[in-house]
């Protein structure tokens, strides 16, 4: 961001809208009923889709909406936007049956659609790069330019390559003093941590932040 800093909490709220429909009163029947003959139309039910479209080129599977449990294994699948690249896939297997019960695929958008590029592999040896439900991965990148947001940023990315910029959401404690954010990680209790270093005349001042992540608010069917 020395004085103590209260933890910052990112709250995710949801709204429920009630829908109502008006049903008109039925008209009274005619005095003399009239017999009518109708032939029911033959219809073919539409097939239930097994996948939903993905903006990043890899279709969604219904298993991606299920909670991750059991034995979780990571592998790689082909990236449709890269000739040589791969995507990370996590599959959760029920050890009693061997059945895959859930999965997560971390997709990439086309390069032209991505304004932020992750800095690459993160050091998560003592914590976790991924949220507990494997819906988010921690990320770090550098922002160039003359705006007030230049410098090293941190946040997390969901499975469709949508970025949550935590650095932009956490205000500076020292107006006008340059700073950079580092070491994004998820903890065992699924909070998001990072450190912020402020430039001072005689060195650096470091603050550590603990935030409630969006991953804790996700509901699964």
Foldseek 3Di string as FASTA:
>chain_A
DVPDDDFDEDDDDDDDDDDDDDDDDDDDADPDDDDDDDDDDDDDDDDDDQWDDAQQPDTHGLLAQAFADADKDWDWDDAPQDPPDTWIKIWHAHVVPRDTRHMAIAHDHHPVPDPWDFPDDAPQVPFAQAFPRRQKGKGKGAADDDDPQGAIWIFIAGSNRDTDTVSVVDDDPDPPWDKHKDDWGAHPVRWTKIKMWTDDPVGIDIDIHTYHDPVVVDDGD
